[in-house]
Amino acid sequence: FDAYNAEMQARVPTTVWASGGCDSWYFDKSGVPNLYPFSPDRYLNDMHDPDFSEYRLIADSRESDAVQAAE
């Protein structure tokens, strides 16, 4: 995740959102972008085969409404 986040932040200066004084929801309070700066094709590729070793999965002990409804 750190490498992905660093790549995203490195790419943002090349976007229209960072080219001059954009003050909007595209950036958090620290100026970190929360906008995906790559192409739609890249997004589909990134989301198609995520590297789950980059994530920490935490089990939730609560059952979701969907699970309860299915029972």
N, C-alpha and C. Protein backbone atom coordinates (compact mmCIF):
# COMPACT_ATOMS: atom_id res chain seq x y z
N PHE A 1 0.82 -1.19 0.00
CA PHE A 1 0.00 0.00 0.00
C PHE A 1 0.86 1.26 0.00
N ASP A 2 1.96 1.21 0.73
CA ASP A 2 2.83 2.39 0.79
C ASP A 2 3.40 2.74 -0.58
N ALA A 3 3.82 1.72 -1.33
CA ALA A 3 4.37 1.97 -2.67
C ALA A 3 3.29 2.53 -3.60
N TYR A 4 2.10 1.98 -3.52
CA TYR A 4 0.97 2.44 -4.34
C TYR A 4 0.63 3.89 -4.00
N ASN A 5 0.56 4.19 -2.71
CA ASN A 5 0.24 5.53 -2.25
C ASN A 5 1.31 6.53 -2.70
N ALA A 6 2.57 6.14 -2.59
CA ALA A 6 3.66 7.01 -3.02
C ALA A 6 3.58 7.27 -4.52
N GLU A 7 3.25 6.24 -5.30
CA GLU A 7 3.12 6.42 -6.75
C GLU A 7 1.97 7.36 -7.07
N MET A 8 0.86 7.21 -6.37
CA MET A 8 -0.28 8.11 -6.58
C MET A 8 0.09 9.55 -6.29
N GLN A 9 0.74 9.77 -5.15
CA GLN A 9 1.11 11.14 -4.77
C GLN A 9 2.14 11.73 -5.72
N ALA A 10 3.03 10.90 -6.25
CA ALA A 10 4.02 11.38 -7.20
C ALA A 10 3.37 11.78 -8.53
N ARG A 11 2.27 11.13 -8.86
CA ARG A 11 1.60 11.38 -10.14
C ARG A 11 0.68 12.59 -10.10
N VAL A 12 0.16 12.92 -8.94
CA VAL A 12 -0.82 14.01 -8.84
C VAL A 12 -0.31 15.35 -9.37
N PRO A 13 0.96 15.72 -9.16
CA PRO A 13 1.40 17.02 -9.68
C PRO A 13 1.24 17.17 -11.20
N THR A 14 1.10 16.08 -11.91
CA THR A 14 0.93 16.15 -13.37
C THR A 14 -0.54 16.29 -13.78
N THR A 15 -1.44 16.33 -12.81
CA THR A 15 -2.86 16.42 -13.12
C THR A 15 -3.35 17.86 -13.05
N VAL A 16 -4.50 18.10 -13.63
CA VAL A 16 -5.10 19.43 -13.61
C VAL A 16 -5.43 19.87 -12.19
N TRP A 17 -5.70 18.92 -11.30
CA TRP A 17 -6.10 19.26 -9.93
C TRP A 17 -4.96 19.89 -9.14
N ALA A 18 -3.74 19.63 -9.53
CA ALA A 18 -2.59 20.16 -8.78
C ALA A 18 -1.85 21.25 -9.54
N SER A 19 -2.39 21.68 -10.66
CA SER A 19 -1.66 22.63 -11.50
C SER A 19 -1.76 24.07 -11.04
N GLY A 20 -2.59 24.33 -10.05
CA GLY A 20 -2.65 25.72 -9.61
C GLY A 20 -3.79 26.06 -8.67
N GLY A 21 -3.57 25.90 -7.40
CA GLY A 21 -4.48 26.42 -6.39
C GLY A 21 -5.80 25.71 -6.23
N CYS A 22 -5.89 24.47 -6.60
CA CYS A 22 -7.14 23.73 -6.40
C CYS A 22 -7.37 23.53 -4.91
N ASP A 23 -8.47 24.04 -4.41
CA ASP A 23 -8.81 23.89 -3.00
C ASP A 23 -10.20 23.25 -2.95
N SER A 24 -10.22 21.94 -2.94
CA SER A 24 -11.50 21.25 -3.00
C SER A 24 -11.42 19.92 -2.27
N TRP A 25 -12.47 19.15 -2.37
CA TRP A 25 -12.53 17.85 -1.70
C TRP A 25 -11.54 16.86 -2.29
N TYR A 26 -10.87 17.20 -3.37
CA TYR A 26 -9.89 16.30 -3.97
C TYR A 26 -8.66 16.11 -3.10
N PHE A 27 -8.48 16.98 -2.12
CA PHE A 27 -7.33 16.90 -1.22
C PHE A 27 -7.81 16.91 0.22
N ASP A 28 -7.12 16.12 1.07
CA ASP A 28 -7.49 16.15 2.48
C ASP A 28 -6.85 17.36 3.16
N LYS A 29 -7.02 17.47 4.47
CA LYS A 29 -6.50 18.63 5.21
C LYS A 29 -4.99 18.77 5.11
N SER A 30 -4.30 17.66 4.88
CA SER A 30 -2.84 17.67 4.78
C SER A 30 -2.36 17.90 3.35
N GLY A 31 -3.29 18.04 2.42
CA GLY A 31 -2.92 18.23 1.03
C GLY A 31 -2.69 16.94 0.27
N VAL A 32 -3.02 15.82 0.89
CA VAL A 32 -2.87 14.52 0.24
C VAL A 32 -4.07 14.29 -0.67
N PRO A 33 -3.84 13.96 -1.93
CA PRO A 33 -4.95 13.77 -2.86
C PRO A 33 -5.74 12.50 -2.56
N ASN A 34 -7.04 12.58 -2.73
CA ASN A 34 -7.86 11.38 -2.62
C ASN A 34 -8.57 11.13 -3.95
N LEU A 35 -7.88 11.49 -5.01
CA LEU A 35 -8.38 11.34 -6.36
C LEU A 35 -7.46 10.39 -7.11
N TYR A 36 -8.03 9.45 -7.83
CA TYR A 36 -7.24 8.48 -8.58
C TYR A 36 -6.66 9.17 -9.81
N PRO A 37 -5.33 9.31 -9.92
CA PRO A 37 -4.74 10.10 -11.01
C PRO A 37 -4.44 9.34 -12.29
N PHE A 38 -4.80 8.07 -12.35
CA PHE A 38 -4.44 7.25 -13.50
C PHE A 38 -5.65 7.05 -14.42
N SER A 39 -5.43 6.37 -15.52
CA SER A 39 -6.48 6.16 -16.52
C SER A 39 -7.53 5.15 -16.03
N PRO A 40 -8.72 5.19 -16.62
CA PRO A 40 -9.74 4.20 -16.28
C PRO A 40 -9.26 2.76 -16.54
N ASP A 41 -8.49 2.56 -17.60
CA ASP A 41 -7.96 1.22 -17.87
C ASP A 41 -7.04 0.75 -16.75
N ARG A 42 -6.21 1.65 -16.25
CA ARG A 42 -5.32 1.30 -15.14
C ARG A 42 -6.13 0.98 -13.89
N TYR A 43 -7.19 1.74 -13.64
CA TYR A 43 -8.05 1.48 -12.49
C TYR A 43 -8.64 0.07 -12.57
N LEU A 44 -9.18 -0.27 -13.72
CA LEU A 44 -9.77 -1.61 -13.89
C LEU A 44 -8.72 -2.69 -13.66
N ASN A 45 -7.53 -2.49 -14.17
CA ASN A 45 -6.45 -3.45 -13.98
C ASN A 45 -6.06 -3.55 -12.51
N ASP A 46 -5.91 -2.41 -11.84
CA ASP A 46 -5.55 -2.40 -10.42
C ASP A 46 -6.60 -3.10 -9.57
N MET A 47 -7.86 -2.88 -9.89
CA MET A 47 -8.94 -3.45 -9.08
C MET A 47 -9.24 -4.90 -9.44
N HIS A 48 -8.84 -5.33 -10.62
CA HIS A 48 -9.12 -6.69 -11.06
C HIS A 48 -8.32 -7.72 -10.28
N ASP A 49 -7.09 -7.41 -9.97
CA ASP A 49 -6.22 -8.38 -9.31
C ASP A 49 -5.42 -7.71 -8.19
N PRO A 50 -6.10 -7.31 -7.10
CA PRO A 50 -5.39 -6.62 -6.03
C PRO A 50 -4.40 -7.55 -5.32
N ASP A 51 -3.33 -6.97 -4.82
CA ASP A 51 -2.33 -7.72 -4.05
C ASP A 51 -2.75 -7.66 -2.58
N PHE A 52 -3.44 -8.69 -2.13
CA PHE A 52 -3.97 -8.68 -0.77
C PHE A 52 -2.89 -8.74 0.30
N SER A 53 -1.65 -9.03 -0.08
CA SER A 53 -0.57 -8.99 0.90
C SER A 53 -0.28 -7.55 1.32
N GLU A 54 -0.78 -6.60 0.54
CA GLU A 54 -0.60 -5.18 0.85
C GLU A 54 -1.64 -4.68 1.86
N TYR A 55 -2.57 -5.52 2.26
CA TYR A 55 -3.65 -5.11 3.15
C TYR A 55 -3.63 -5.93 4.43
N ARG A 56 -4.15 -5.33 5.45
CA ARG A 56 -4.32 -6.04 6.72
C ARG A 56 -5.82 -6.30 6.86
N LEU A 57 -6.21 -7.54 6.79
CA LEU A 57 -7.62 -7.90 6.88
C LEU A 57 -7.98 -8.17 8.33
N ILE A 58 -9.06 -7.56 8.78
CA ILE A 58 -9.49 -7.70 10.16
C ILE A 58 -10.90 -8.27 10.15
N ALA A 59 -11.08 -9.37 10.85
CA ALA A 59 -12.39 -9.99 10.92
C ALA A 59 -13.30 -9.16 11.82
N ASP A 60 -14.54 -9.08 11.44
CA ASP A 60 -15.54 -8.37 12.23
C ASP A 60 -16.41 -9.42 12.90
N SER A 61 -16.52 -9.34 14.20
CA SER A 61 -17.27 -10.35 14.93
C SER A 61 -18.78 -10.18 14.77
N ARG A 62 -19.20 -9.04 14.26
CA ARG A 62 -20.64 -8.80 14.07
C ARG A 62 -21.09 -9.39 12.74
N GLU A 63 -22.28 -9.91 12.71
CA GLU A 63 -22.85 -10.40 11.45
C GLU A 63 -23.46 -9.22 10.70
N SER A 64 -23.30 -9.22 9.42
CA SER A 64 -23.91 -8.15 8.62
C SER A 64 -25.40 -8.42 8.44
N ASP A 65 -26.13 -7.40 8.05
CA ASP A 65 -27.56 -7.56 7.77
C ASP A 65 -27.78 -8.59 6.67
N ALA A 66 -26.88 -8.63 5.68
CA ALA A 66 -27.02 -9.57 4.57
C ALA A 66 -26.88 -11.00 5.06
N VAL A 67 -25.94 -11.24 5.96
CA VAL A 67 -25.76 -12.60 6.49
C VAL A 67 -26.98 -12.99 7.31
N GLN A 68 -27.46 -12.08 8.13
CA GLN A 68 -28.63 -12.38 8.95
C GLN A 68 -29.85 -12.64 8.08
N ALA A 69 -30.00 -11.89 7.00
CA ALA A 69 -31.14 -12.07 6.12
C ALA A 69 -31.07 -13.40 5.38
N ALA A 70 -29.87 -13.89 5.12
CA ALA A 70 -29.71 -15.14 4.38
C ALA A 70 -29.98 -16.35 5.25
N GLU A 71 -29.93 -16.19 6.54
CA GLU A 71 -30.12 -17.35 7.44
C GLU A 71 -31.56 -17.77 7.58
